Structure formats: C-alpha cells, structure tokens
Amino acid sequence: MNRLFILVAALLLASTAKAQEPSNILTPEQKVFGLSKFWQEVNYNFVYLDRIDRAAWDSTYMALIPIVQKTENDWEYYRLLQRFCALLDDGHTYIYRPGTSPDQTVAEDPDTVFLPERNGLFKEGYVYVEELGGKICVTSVNKNLALILPVRSEIVEVNGLPVEEYIEKCTLPYVSQSTDYKRRSTSVNRITWGIYGQQLTLGVRKPDGTFAQVGLTFGGDSYDFPEGYDDYPEIEYSNELVELHWHGDVARVVLNSFADDSAVDEFEKLLPELHRACGLIVDLRGNGGGSTSVGARILEHLTPDSELLMSRSRTRQNVAAYKAWGQFVSANDTIASPENRRNYLAARDGLYLDLGDNTWTVNVPPSERIVVPTVVLMGNSTASAAEDFLIMIDNQSHITTIGRRSYGSTGQPLMVELVGGIGAGICTKQDTYPDGRAFVGVGVIPDIEVPDENEALERALELLDNE
C-alpha cells in the first residue's frame, strides 16, 4: 500500500498542456464533502474492503483533505478523486461524470462543471492506441490523419516525455482495475484521453522507420469522421451486438455485448442457420459485459443441461446493533458461538451475506438446442457479465475456451452522487466460481492460452476440425 503515500506526495503532476481552462465552480467545502462522501461510501459498501490497508486508506484520506481544497480547478479535483479511487484496485469501482455534448462549455451551461472529456477524439481526427508486441502503436485512425499518423506507427514520446514515463506519471495513477494486465492496457489506451481543447503531441516512429512529431487537439465531435478510418488488420471493431461468420461448416458467432436484451433476439434469429453447423465458435473477445441474464439466455441454446451453475456471490452486511455488540466480543468468545462470531465480524467490517441460489433454469426444449463441439474465444476485454458467461460454461464438457485471460472484474456497482455532477461506482458484490475459486483479480484462465488474436481463431478452427 505504499502507493497510498506516494499519491499524497505526487498528486498534482500536470499531465498535459491545456489550451482551454476547465471551470472552477466547486468551493473548497464542496470538494472536501465529495472526497469524504466517497471515502465513507467505500468504507460502508465496498465488498473488497478486507483487501486494502485500512490504516493507510484512512490516513491518505486525511492527508487529502487540505490538498483537495487547494486544487486549482474542478477538473484537477475530479482527477484527484480518480487517483484516490485507483488505490482500491478494482475494475468495478470508479469515479465518473455524466456525459456532456462535445461542443458544450461551462459558459453555455452553468450547471456543467467540466469541459467534456474526449476518448481518442481530436479536432484533427480519431486516434486509438494499443500495445502490440511490447510496443505502443496506433491501431486505428481516420483517413485524414493516416498520412501523418499511419496505423502501426509506434508512439515513443508524449508531450516531450518518453512514452513509458508519460504512462507512469499521467495515465497509470488514475486507472482503477483488478488485474495488472488490464491496468497496463487501460493506461496505454488512455494516452489519447483528455478534455476538450487540451493539446497532445505524439512523437512517433512510422512503419517506414521515419520519426515525426504529430500535434493533436482534443475536441472531435464524432467517431464517424466522413473520411472513414484505417484499422490494424489483427483488430476488429464493430458496433453490432451479434455477428455471424462461417469458416467452412464451422459457425463463428461474435457476441460483442450483453448490455442490451435485444442481443438475445439477434442471436435467436441466427438459430435456423446455426443448426447446420458441425462446430461452433462463440467469440467473446470484445464483450465488455452488461447483463448476466442476457448471456444465460443465449447459453440456454448451447447446453445439454437443465440448469446452469452460476457464480457464487456475496455482499457486505452492515447491521448497527451487531457492530455495537461485537465491540465487546473477543476472538476467543467466538468459539462455539455463531452469534458471537457474527457480532465479532460485524464490528470489524467482516460480515457478509450470501446472495443465495446460483443456478439458472434452462427453458429451451432439448430438441431446439445446438450441442456440438464448441470453442469460446476470450481475451483481456472479456469482462463482467461476459465473465459470468465463462463461469457458467466451466462444467460444459463439449465447450473449450481459447485465448487470453479475461478482464478479471465483475460485480454490482452502487452508483453514488458525490458533488457537482461527479459520481462514483462502488463494487458491492463479490463473485467467485461456484466452488469458491477466485477469478476477480486473477481473470478466468482459458483451457488453451493463446496470446495472439489471429492465432486464437486458428487454434479454435484446428481443434474443431479434429473433433
């Protein structure tokens, strides 16, 4: 937990030069209130409170009280809260703001505390970066930028800093994730995150080996630039909920999201075609989750079982009287006394409530199901409800998982309003395998680990060809 104290010492590092200043509406008192409310709600509701150093967490909160009051503007305060939140190391716990339109400013809307935050959108075009083969590269860019910033360009500098130093100072400290690999990839992705009007200068080595400085200004209005875009060929981007691709007599169904119930309808429309498949690939590599029930309703069509075994879940239980009684209970008093044990744990924030039945009844008639040799493709972006899907197929003998470890975070965030349009999501539900094995903070490990996206698909086709 040394990061808690490093935070206080290095909190106000400037990440980028600002071409347009954020608002400064929040008072020092409001800033303290927002910080305090987040700290309080974490203490009361965060399901992984037992994993953090409580003394260090509390002392860092106290050290931040004078610092938040001296933040120069509301954006700096917001970023400070993000940095505080990142100390919890949880992918379902975060600081957020309500979305605003790209051209909105504080002057036009007095209730808007901040300039709009952009994700890869610049006045010059759209830029997306990822780590490929140990190098940080441009993987998607719209065509009017492609001549000066082509795909496969390696980013070596950001705002005059070596790229790794920039990540260490300006993106990594603000990222809350449950696994080291997602913390790293998110930090890389957020090189191209900033606020409207902010400037970014990238030092890039192009695919032909030449070096160039590319200046960009956040503020693009849409991902749909009229010139189109170029993608790195190994990475697919899609806005479709469900896609179908055929590889000979093997069907590959891409499930990009479980966030919309219509994904079930879209999948069921494909069933007449899928019934002729000799093998099936379910591609979850880009699925960031949504609703667990959406995945379960799709899986009903792909299992021979009458029930699906889901993750085991629990949440914190706070009962004031139990806490009060537990203050007078010692560890020795808990021996052979369930009531004393309950009170003892309650007084130490260690009492949990089991959320009960973790089975899903399958309602699809057996004759309508598709039970053929199946591969599920997964990766670091397979998250949340998509990970719940992976848990449900863990005991399905006809299904093999191939790819990279999953995102490693799921749960149920409690949405809390803090101050001035800033909110927090705080994870309230701990999920494990039915037998208690952890996957949050670890990731679901595939049966066959393959780090390369294209190779994962090839391995899936080879496996099904040999069935």
Protein backbone atom coordinates (compact mmCIF):
# COMPACT_ATOMS: atom_id res chain seq x y z
CA MET A 1 0.00 0.00 0.00
CA ASN A 2 2.96 2.34 -0.46
CA ARG A 3 1.07 3.86 -3.37
CA LEU A 4 -1.26 5.49 -0.87
CA PHE A 5 1.53 7.67 0.42
CA ILE A 6 3.14 8.19 -2.98
CA LEU A 7 -0.23 9.62 -4.05
CA VAL A 8 -0.06 12.39 -1.49
CA ALA A 9 3.48 13.34 -2.49
CA ALA A 10 2.94 13.32 -6.26
CA LEU A 11 -0.72 14.19 -6.55
CA LEU A 12 -0.71 17.35 -8.62
CA LEU A 13 1.51 16.34 -11.55
CA ALA A 14 0.37 18.08 -14.73
CA SER A 15 -0.48 15.57 -17.44
CA THR A 16 -0.87 17.79 -20.50
CA ALA A 17 -0.81 21.41 -21.53
CA LYS A 18 -4.32 22.88 -21.55
CA ALA A 19 -5.42 25.06 -24.41
CA GLN A 20 -8.68 25.92 -22.63
CA GLU A 21 -9.11 26.08 -18.88
CA PRO A 22 -11.71 23.98 -17.03
CA SER A 23 -14.24 25.60 -14.74
CA ASN A 24 -13.64 26.40 -11.09
CA ILE A 25 -17.15 26.24 -9.65
CA LEU A 26 -16.79 23.90 -6.68
CA THR A 27 -15.97 25.52 -3.36
CA PRO A 28 -13.27 24.10 -1.07
CA GLU A 29 -16.03 22.91 1.27
CA GLN A 30 -17.79 21.05 -1.55
CA LYS A 31 -14.55 19.40 -2.57
CA VAL A 32 -13.98 18.14 0.95
CA PHE A 33 -17.58 16.92 1.08
CA GLY A 34 -17.21 14.96 -2.18
CA LEU A 35 -13.96 13.36 -1.05
CA SER A 36 -15.45 12.50 2.34
CA LYS A 37 -18.60 11.00 0.87
CA PHE A 38 -16.59 8.73 -1.43
CA TRP A 39 -14.36 7.62 1.47
CA GLN A 40 -17.43 6.99 3.63
CA GLU A 41 -19.35 5.02 0.98
CA VAL A 42 -16.28 2.87 0.24
CA ASN A 43 -15.91 2.08 3.95
CA TYR A 44 -19.56 1.11 4.21
CA ASN A 45 -20.21 -0.67 0.89
CA PHE A 46 -17.01 -1.74 -0.89
CA VAL A 47 -17.08 -5.52 -0.97
CA TYR A 48 -13.28 -5.87 -1.11
CA LEU A 49 -12.59 -3.64 1.89
CA ASP A 50 -10.74 -6.55 3.51
CA ARG A 51 -8.11 -6.40 0.75
CA ILE A 52 -6.89 -2.89 1.48
CA ASP A 53 -4.72 -1.49 4.26
CA ARG A 54 -7.38 0.31 6.29
CA ALA A 55 -4.95 2.40 8.31
CA ALA A 56 -3.18 3.59 5.17
CA TRP A 57 -6.50 4.24 3.41
CA ASP A 58 -7.75 6.36 6.29
CA SER A 59 -4.51 8.29 6.72
CA THR A 60 -4.39 9.05 3.00
CA TYR A 61 -7.95 10.37 3.16
CA MET A 62 -6.95 12.71 5.99
CA ALA A 63 -3.87 13.86 4.08
CA LEU A 64 -6.04 14.68 1.05
CA ILE A 65 -8.40 17.00 2.92
CA PRO A 66 -6.13 20.07 2.66
CA ILE A 67 -4.94 19.08 -0.82
CA VAL A 68 -8.42 18.96 -2.39
CA GLN A 69 -9.17 22.43 -1.07
CA LYS A 70 -6.17 23.81 -2.96
CA THR A 71 -6.88 22.22 -6.35
CA GLU A 72 -6.81 24.94 -8.99
CA ASN A 73 -9.99 23.90 -10.80
CA ASP A 74 -12.77 21.33 -10.88
CA TRP A 75 -11.04 19.14 -13.44
CA GLU A 76 -7.96 18.81 -11.23
CA TYR A 77 -10.23 17.89 -8.32
CA TYR A 78 -12.03 15.27 -10.42
CA ARG A 79 -8.71 13.75 -11.45
CA LEU A 80 -7.60 13.69 -7.83
CA LEU A 81 -10.68 11.65 -6.92
CA GLN A 82 -9.90 9.26 -9.77
CA ARG A 83 -6.40 8.84 -8.42
CA PHE A 84 -7.69 8.19 -4.91
CA CYS A 85 -10.15 5.63 -6.28
CA ALA A 86 -7.40 3.85 -8.24
CA LEU A 87 -5.82 2.85 -4.95
CA LEU A 88 -8.67 0.35 -4.47
CA ASP A 89 -7.51 -1.72 -7.45
CA ASP A 90 -10.99 -2.69 -8.58
CA GLY A 91 -12.37 -2.62 -12.12
CA HIS A 92 -15.95 -2.10 -10.93
CA THR A 93 -15.16 0.84 -8.66
CA TYR A 94 -14.66 4.20 -10.35
CA ILE A 95 -15.23 7.94 -10.43
CA TYR A 96 -17.39 9.27 -13.27
CA ARG A 97 -19.15 12.33 -14.67
CA PRO A 98 -22.44 12.49 -16.59
CA GLY A 99 -21.83 12.80 -20.33
CA THR A 100 -21.93 16.21 -21.98
CA SER A 101 -22.15 17.14 -25.63
CA PRO A 102 -18.76 17.67 -27.34
CA ASP A 103 -19.30 21.38 -28.00
CA GLN A 104 -20.69 22.22 -24.58
CA THR A 105 -18.74 24.66 -22.39
CA VAL A 106 -19.27 25.95 -18.90
CA ALA A 107 -20.23 29.38 -20.26
CA GLU A 108 -23.06 27.82 -22.29
CA ASP A 109 -24.28 25.65 -19.42
CA PRO A 110 -23.64 26.98 -15.89
CA ASP A 111 -24.52 23.57 -14.39
CA THR A 112 -21.70 21.86 -16.28
CA VAL A 113 -18.70 21.68 -14.01
CA PHE A 114 -16.16 20.40 -16.52
CA LEU A 115 -15.14 20.62 -20.11
CA PRO A 116 -16.20 17.46 -21.95
CA GLU A 117 -13.78 14.55 -21.70
CA ARG A 118 -12.73 13.02 -25.01
CA ASN A 119 -11.72 9.44 -25.71
CA GLY A 120 -9.50 9.33 -28.79
CA LEU A 121 -11.38 12.18 -30.47
CA PHE A 122 -9.39 15.15 -31.75
CA LYS A 123 -10.24 18.07 -33.97
CA GLU A 124 -7.84 16.52 -36.47
CA GLY A 125 -9.45 13.06 -36.35
CA TYR A 126 -9.84 9.83 -34.42
CA VAL A 127 -6.79 8.04 -32.93
CA TYR A 128 -6.72 4.79 -30.94
CA VAL A 129 -3.60 3.20 -29.45
CA GLU A 130 -2.84 -0.23 -28.03
CA GLU A 131 0.17 -2.29 -27.04
CA LEU A 132 1.25 -4.74 -29.71
CA GLY A 133 4.26 -6.98 -29.29
CA GLY A 134 5.66 -4.84 -26.49
CA LYS A 135 5.32 -1.61 -28.48
CA ILE A 136 2.66 1.07 -28.10
CA CYS A 137 1.16 1.56 -31.53
CA VAL A 138 -1.58 3.38 -33.39
CA THR A 139 -4.16 0.70 -34.18
CA SER A 140 -7.00 2.80 -35.56
CA VAL A 141 -7.00 6.24 -37.17
CA ASN A 142 -9.33 8.00 -39.58
CA LYS A 143 -8.04 8.50 -43.09
CA ASN A 144 -7.38 12.22 -42.98
CA LEU A 145 -4.74 11.52 -40.31
CA ALA A 146 -3.42 8.30 -41.82
CA LEU A 147 -0.75 10.01 -43.95
CA ILE A 148 0.95 11.66 -40.98
CA LEU A 149 -0.03 9.05 -38.37
CA PRO A 150 -0.49 5.70 -40.12
CA VAL A 151 -1.58 2.52 -38.36
CA ARG A 152 1.35 0.53 -36.92
CA SER A 153 3.15 3.77 -36.03
CA GLU A 154 4.97 3.30 -32.73
CA ILE A 155 4.46 6.00 -30.11
CA VAL A 156 7.80 6.75 -28.45
CA GLU A 157 7.10 10.15 -26.86
CA VAL A 158 4.09 12.00 -25.47
CA ASN A 159 4.33 15.72 -24.73
CA GLY A 160 8.11 15.52 -24.71
CA LEU A 161 8.28 12.59 -22.28
CA PRO A 162 9.33 9.04 -23.17
CA VAL A 163 6.10 7.14 -23.56
CA GLU A 164 6.69 4.86 -20.56
CA GLU A 165 7.44 7.84 -18.33
CA TYR A 166 4.29 9.56 -19.55
CA ILE A 167 2.21 6.47 -18.73
CA GLU A 168 3.79 6.13 -15.31
CA LYS A 169 3.05 9.76 -14.41
CA CYS A 170 -0.04 10.72 -16.36
CA THR A 171 -2.30 7.73 -17.01
CA LEU A 172 -1.45 4.75 -14.78
CA PRO A 173 -2.10 6.52 -11.43
CA TYR A 174 -5.69 7.29 -12.48
CA VAL A 175 -6.67 3.77 -13.57
CA SER A 176 -8.69 1.51 -11.29
CA GLN A 177 -8.51 -2.12 -12.38
CA SER A 178 -8.49 -5.52 -10.73
CA THR A 179 -5.63 -7.09 -12.71
CA ASP A 180 -2.16 -5.86 -13.60
CA TYR A 181 -2.61 -6.57 -17.31
CA LYS A 182 -5.84 -4.57 -17.57
CA ARG A 183 -4.30 -1.76 -15.54
CA ARG A 184 -1.48 -1.69 -18.09
CA SER A 185 -3.65 -1.89 -21.21
CA THR A 186 -6.09 0.72 -19.91
CA SER A 187 -3.20 3.03 -19.09
CA VAL A 188 -1.93 2.65 -22.66
CA ASN A 189 -5.39 3.27 -24.15
CA ARG A 190 -5.76 6.46 -22.12
CA ILE A 191 -2.77 8.10 -23.74
CA THR A 192 -5.37 9.51 -26.13
CA TRP A 193 -7.81 10.63 -23.42
CA GLY A 194 -8.19 14.27 -22.46
CA ILE A 195 -10.53 17.22 -22.15
CA TYR A 196 -11.93 19.45 -24.84
CA GLY A 197 -9.29 21.91 -26.06
CA GLN A 198 -6.38 20.02 -24.50
CA GLN A 199 -3.30 19.56 -26.69
CA LEU A 200 -1.27 16.40 -27.18
CA THR A 201 1.99 15.98 -29.06
CA LEU A 202 2.95 12.47 -30.10
CA GLY A 203 6.48 11.53 -31.11
CA VAL A 204 6.01 8.56 -33.44
CA ARG A 205 8.17 6.20 -35.43
CA LYS A 206 6.27 5.38 -38.59
CA PRO A 207 6.24 1.90 -40.17
CA ASP A 208 8.86 3.08 -42.70
CA GLY A 209 11.22 3.97 -39.83
CA THR A 210 10.94 7.77 -40.07
CA PHE A 211 10.29 9.84 -36.96
CA ALA A 212 7.65 12.57 -36.73
CA GLN A 213 6.04 14.89 -34.19
CA VAL A 214 2.26 14.97 -34.52
CA GLY A 215 0.29 17.66 -32.68
CA LEU A 216 -3.36 16.98 -31.84
CA THR A 217 -6.11 18.91 -30.04
CA PHE A 218 -8.96 17.15 -28.23
CA GLY A 219 -12.38 18.15 -29.47
CA GLY A 220 -13.69 15.92 -32.26
CA ASP A 221 -17.47 15.65 -32.29
CA SER A 222 -17.95 12.07 -33.52
CA TYR A 223 -16.20 8.79 -34.16
CA ASP A 224 -17.84 8.74 -37.59
CA PHE A 225 -15.48 11.00 -39.49
CA PRO A 226 -16.59 11.25 -43.14
CA GLU A 227 -13.18 10.14 -44.40
CA GLY A 228 -13.53 6.71 -42.78
CA TYR A 229 -10.69 5.06 -40.86
CA ASP A 230 -7.85 2.54 -41.09
CA ASP A 231 -7.51 -0.32 -38.62
CA TYR A 232 -4.62 -2.54 -37.67
CA PRO A 233 -5.57 -5.76 -39.52
CA GLU A 234 -5.44 -8.01 -36.44
CA ILE A 235 -8.00 -5.97 -34.51
CA GLU A 236 -11.72 -5.93 -35.29
CA TYR A 237 -14.08 -3.15 -34.20
CA SER A 238 -17.82 -3.49 -34.52
CA ASN A 239 -20.95 -1.78 -33.24
CA GLU A 240 -23.14 -4.82 -33.93
CA LEU A 241 -24.45 -6.76 -30.93
CA VAL A 242 -24.26 -10.11 -32.73
CA GLU A 243 -22.40 -11.18 -35.87
CA LEU A 244 -22.24 -14.46 -37.78
CA HIS A 245 -19.23 -15.63 -39.81
CA TRP A 246 -18.78 -19.01 -41.48
CA HIS A 247 -15.48 -20.90 -41.66
CA GLY A 248 -16.45 -23.86 -43.81
CA ASP A 249 -19.02 -25.79 -41.78
CA VAL A 250 -17.99 -24.06 -38.55
CA ALA A 251 -20.10 -21.09 -37.47
CA ARG A 252 -18.49 -18.25 -35.52
CA VAL A 253 -20.97 -16.16 -33.56
CA VAL A 254 -19.50 -12.90 -32.28
CA LEU A 255 -21.29 -11.63 -29.17
CA ASN A 256 -19.99 -8.09 -28.75
CA SER A 257 -22.12 -7.08 -25.77
CA PHE A 258 -24.64 -8.31 -23.23
CA ALA A 259 -25.72 -4.75 -22.42
CA ASP A 260 -28.94 -4.94 -24.45
CA ASP A 261 -31.68 -7.58 -24.20
CA SER A 262 -32.04 -7.42 -27.99
CA ALA A 263 -28.78 -9.40 -28.23
CA VAL A 264 -30.85 -12.47 -27.34
CA ASP A 265 -33.33 -11.72 -30.13
CA GLU A 266 -30.48 -11.18 -32.61
CA PHE A 267 -28.89 -14.47 -31.60
CA GLU A 268 -32.16 -16.38 -31.86
CA LYS A 269 -32.65 -15.09 -35.41
CA LEU A 270 -29.50 -17.00 -36.34
CA LEU A 271 -30.67 -20.34 -34.93
CA PRO A 272 -32.03 -21.77 -38.21
CA GLU A 273 -28.60 -21.29 -39.78
CA LEU A 274 -26.66 -22.42 -36.74
CA HIS A 275 -28.45 -25.77 -36.63
CA ARG A 276 -26.50 -26.82 -39.74
CA ALA A 277 -23.12 -26.10 -38.12
CA CYS A 278 -20.82 -29.04 -37.37
CA GLY A 279 -18.86 -26.92 -34.94
CA LEU A 280 -19.44 -23.63 -33.20
CA ILE A 281 -17.20 -20.76 -32.12
CA VAL A 282 -18.61 -18.21 -29.68
CA ASP A 283 -16.41 -15.13 -29.84
CA LEU A 284 -16.42 -13.07 -26.62
CA ARG A 285 -13.07 -11.30 -27.10
CA GLY A 286 -14.65 -7.85 -27.41
CA ASN A 287 -17.54 -8.39 -24.99
CA GLY A 288 -17.32 -5.94 -22.08
CA GLY A 289 -20.38 -7.34 -20.32
CA GLY A 290 -23.81 -5.95 -19.50
CA SER A 291 -26.47 -8.19 -18.00
CA THR A 292 -25.65 -11.72 -16.84
CA SER A 293 -29.16 -12.83 -17.79
CA VAL A 294 -28.56 -11.97 -21.46
CA GLY A 295 -25.61 -14.34 -21.60
CA ALA A 296 -27.53 -17.02 -19.71
CA ARG A 297 -30.48 -16.83 -22.12
CA ILE A 298 -28.13 -17.31 -25.04
CA LEU A 299 -26.31 -20.18 -23.33
CA GLU A 300 -29.65 -21.94 -22.79
CA HIS A 301 -29.49 -22.80 -26.51
CA LEU A 302 -25.99 -24.30 -26.25
CA THR A 303 -26.11 -26.65 -23.25
CA PRO A 304 -27.44 -30.18 -22.73
CA ASP A 305 -28.14 -29.46 -19.06
CA SER A 306 -31.40 -28.49 -17.36
CA GLU A 307 -29.61 -25.95 -15.13
CA LEU A 308 -26.63 -23.66 -15.47
CA LEU A 309 -24.35 -23.25 -12.48
CA MET A 310 -23.59 -19.56 -11.99
CA SER A 311 -21.02 -17.74 -9.88
CA ARG A 312 -21.34 -17.71 -6.11
CA SER A 313 -21.98 -14.18 -4.80
CA ARG A 314 -21.88 -12.36 -1.51
CA THR A 315 -22.11 -8.77 -0.28
CA ARG A 316 -21.18 -6.83 2.84
CA GLN A 317 -23.72 -6.91 5.67
CA ASN A 318 -23.94 -3.88 7.95
CA VAL A 319 -26.18 -4.18 10.99
CA ALA A 320 -25.61 -1.45 13.57
CA ALA A 321 -26.65 -3.50 16.61
CA TYR A 322 -24.38 -6.41 15.62
CA LYS A 323 -21.49 -3.95 15.35
CA ALA A 324 -22.27 -2.46 18.74
CA TRP A 325 -22.43 -5.85 20.44
CA GLY A 326 -19.33 -7.04 18.60
CA GLN A 327 -17.18 -4.32 20.11
CA PHE A 328 -17.23 -6.28 23.36
CA VAL A 329 -16.54 -9.69 21.80
CA SER A 330 -13.04 -11.17 21.65
CA ALA A 331 -11.81 -13.82 19.22
CA ASN A 332 -11.95 -16.42 21.99
CA ASP A 333 -15.61 -15.60 22.58
CA THR A 334 -16.46 -16.73 19.05
CA ILE A 335 -15.54 -20.36 19.69
CA ALA A 336 -18.69 -22.49 19.54
CA SER A 337 -20.89 -19.37 19.44
CA PRO A 338 -22.27 -18.46 15.99
CA GLU A 339 -23.93 -15.36 17.44
CA ASN A 340 -20.69 -14.07 18.95
CA ARG A 341 -18.86 -14.82 15.71
CA ARG A 342 -21.47 -12.87 13.75
CA ASN A 343 -21.16 -9.85 16.06
CA TYR A 344 -17.37 -10.05 16.16
CA LEU A 345 -17.19 -9.96 12.36
CA ALA A 346 -19.78 -7.18 12.09
CA ALA A 347 -17.74 -4.93 14.38
CA ARG A 348 -14.72 -5.43 12.12
CA ASP A 349 -16.48 -4.93 8.75
CA GLY A 350 -16.12 -8.64 8.03
CA LEU A 351 -19.74 -9.79 7.99
CA TYR A 352 -21.07 -10.94 4.61
CA LEU A 353 -24.45 -12.00 3.27
CA ASP A 354 -24.60 -14.96 0.89
CA LEU A 355 -26.79 -13.90 -2.04
CA GLY A 356 -28.35 -17.31 -2.35
CA ASP A 357 -29.24 -19.61 -5.22
CA ASN A 358 -26.73 -19.54 -8.06
CA THR A 359 -28.50 -21.74 -10.59
CA TRP A 360 -30.23 -20.73 -13.81
CA THR A 361 -33.09 -22.90 -15.09
CA VAL A 362 -32.84 -23.76 -18.79
CA ASN A 363 -36.21 -23.31 -20.54
CA VAL A 364 -35.24 -24.07 -24.15
CA PRO A 365 -36.52 -27.53 -25.17
CA PRO A 366 -33.67 -30.05 -25.71
CA SER A 367 -34.70 -30.62 -29.33
CA GLU A 368 -34.12 -26.95 -30.14
CA ARG A 369 -30.64 -26.71 -28.66
CA ILE A 370 -27.34 -26.72 -30.53
CA VAL A 371 -24.96 -29.03 -28.68
CA VAL A 372 -21.96 -29.53 -30.94
CA PRO A 373 -18.20 -29.25 -30.30
CA THR A 374 -17.83 -25.61 -29.28
CA VAL A 375 -14.98 -23.21 -28.67
CA VAL A 376 -15.38 -19.95 -26.78
CA LEU A 377 -12.81 -17.31 -27.73
CA MET A 378 -11.94 -14.98 -24.86
CA GLY A 379 -9.45 -12.25 -24.05
CA ASN A 380 -8.44 -9.44 -21.73
CA SER A 381 -11.51 -7.42 -22.80
CA THR A 382 -13.96 -10.23 -21.94
CA ALA A 383 -15.42 -8.61 -18.86
CA SER A 384 -18.10 -8.56 -16.19
CA ALA A 385 -21.26 -10.33 -17.43
CA ALA A 386 -19.19 -11.94 -20.19
CA GLU A 387 -17.02 -13.42 -17.45
CA ASP A 388 -20.19 -14.69 -15.78
CA PHE A 389 -20.85 -16.48 -19.08
CA LEU A 390 -17.40 -18.11 -18.81
CA ILE A 391 -18.20 -19.26 -15.29
CA MET A 392 -21.44 -20.86 -16.50
CA ILE A 393 -19.62 -22.90 -19.17
CA ASP A 394 -16.89 -24.09 -16.81
CA ASN A 395 -18.54 -27.52 -16.40
CA GLN A 396 -19.69 -27.91 -20.03
CA SER A 397 -17.62 -30.81 -21.39
CA HIS A 398 -18.32 -30.01 -25.05
CA ILE A 399 -17.01 -26.43 -24.72
CA THR A 400 -13.31 -25.45 -24.79
CA THR A 401 -12.06 -21.94 -24.05
CA ILE A 402 -9.17 -20.48 -26.06
CA GLY A 403 -7.39 -17.13 -25.92
CA ARG A 404 -6.11 -14.84 -23.18
CA ARG A 405 -7.21 -14.40 -19.60
CA SER A 406 -10.42 -12.47 -19.11
CA TYR A 407 -10.72 -8.95 -17.73
CA GLY A 408 -10.77 -10.16 -14.13
CA SER A 409 -13.53 -7.96 -12.73
CA THR A 410 -17.24 -8.30 -12.21
CA GLY A 411 -19.78 -7.27 -9.57
CA GLN A 412 -22.56 -4.79 -8.97
CA PRO A 413 -21.56 -1.13 -8.62
CA LEU A 414 -23.53 1.08 -6.26
CA MET A 415 -23.95 4.44 -8.00
CA VAL A 416 -23.38 7.35 -5.62
CA GLU A 417 -23.66 11.09 -6.31
CA LEU A 418 -20.75 12.93 -4.76
CA VAL A 419 -20.71 16.64 -5.64
CA GLY A 420 -21.05 18.95 -8.65
CA GLY A 421 -22.01 16.28 -11.15
CA ILE A 422 -19.27 13.88 -10.05
CA GLY A 423 -20.36 10.37 -9.13
CA ALA A 424 -18.82 7.10 -8.04
CA GLY A 425 -19.48 3.46 -8.74
CA ILE A 426 -18.54 1.21 -5.81
CA CYS A 427 -18.44 -2.56 -6.21
CA THR A 428 -20.86 -4.18 -3.74
CA LYS A 429 -20.90 -7.81 -4.91
CA GLN A 430 -18.10 -10.36 -4.77
CA ASP A 431 -18.30 -13.20 -7.28
CA THR A 432 -16.35 -16.45 -7.38
CA TYR A 433 -16.58 -19.79 -9.13
CA PRO A 434 -19.32 -21.97 -7.62
CA ASP A 435 -16.64 -23.87 -5.68
CA GLY A 436 -15.17 -20.64 -4.27
CA ARG A 437 -12.21 -20.20 -6.62
CA ALA A 438 -11.38 -16.57 -7.34
CA PHE A 439 -11.44 -15.02 -10.80
CA VAL A 440 -11.78 -11.36 -9.83
CA GLY A 441 -8.23 -10.05 -9.64
CA VAL A 442 -7.00 -13.12 -11.49
CA GLY A 443 -9.06 -13.43 -14.65
CA VAL A 444 -10.76 -16.56 -15.97
CA ILE A 445 -7.93 -18.69 -17.34
CA PRO A 446 -8.71 -20.31 -20.72
CA ASP A 447 -8.25 -24.03 -21.31
CA ILE A 448 -5.75 -23.16 -24.04
CA GLU A 449 -3.89 -19.88 -23.55
CA VAL A 450 -3.01 -18.15 -26.85
CA PRO A 451 -1.73 -14.56 -26.72
CA ASP A 452 -2.27 -13.67 -30.40
CA GLU A 453 -5.78 -12.79 -31.65
CA ASN A 454 -5.38 -14.39 -35.08
CA GLU A 455 -3.68 -17.48 -33.70
CA ALA A 456 -6.51 -17.97 -31.21
CA LEU A 457 -9.02 -18.23 -34.05
CA GLU A 458 -6.73 -20.57 -35.98
CA ARG A 459 -6.33 -22.82 -32.94
CA ALA A 460 -10.10 -22.91 -32.50
CA LEU A 461 -10.63 -23.98 -36.10
CA GLU A 462 -7.90 -26.61 -35.84
CA LEU A 463 -9.43 -28.02 -32.66
CA LEU A 464 -12.92 -28.24 -34.18
CA ASP A 465 -11.53 -29.76 -37.37
CA ASN A 466 -10.09 -32.61 -35.31
CA GLU A 467 -13.31 -33.29 -33.39
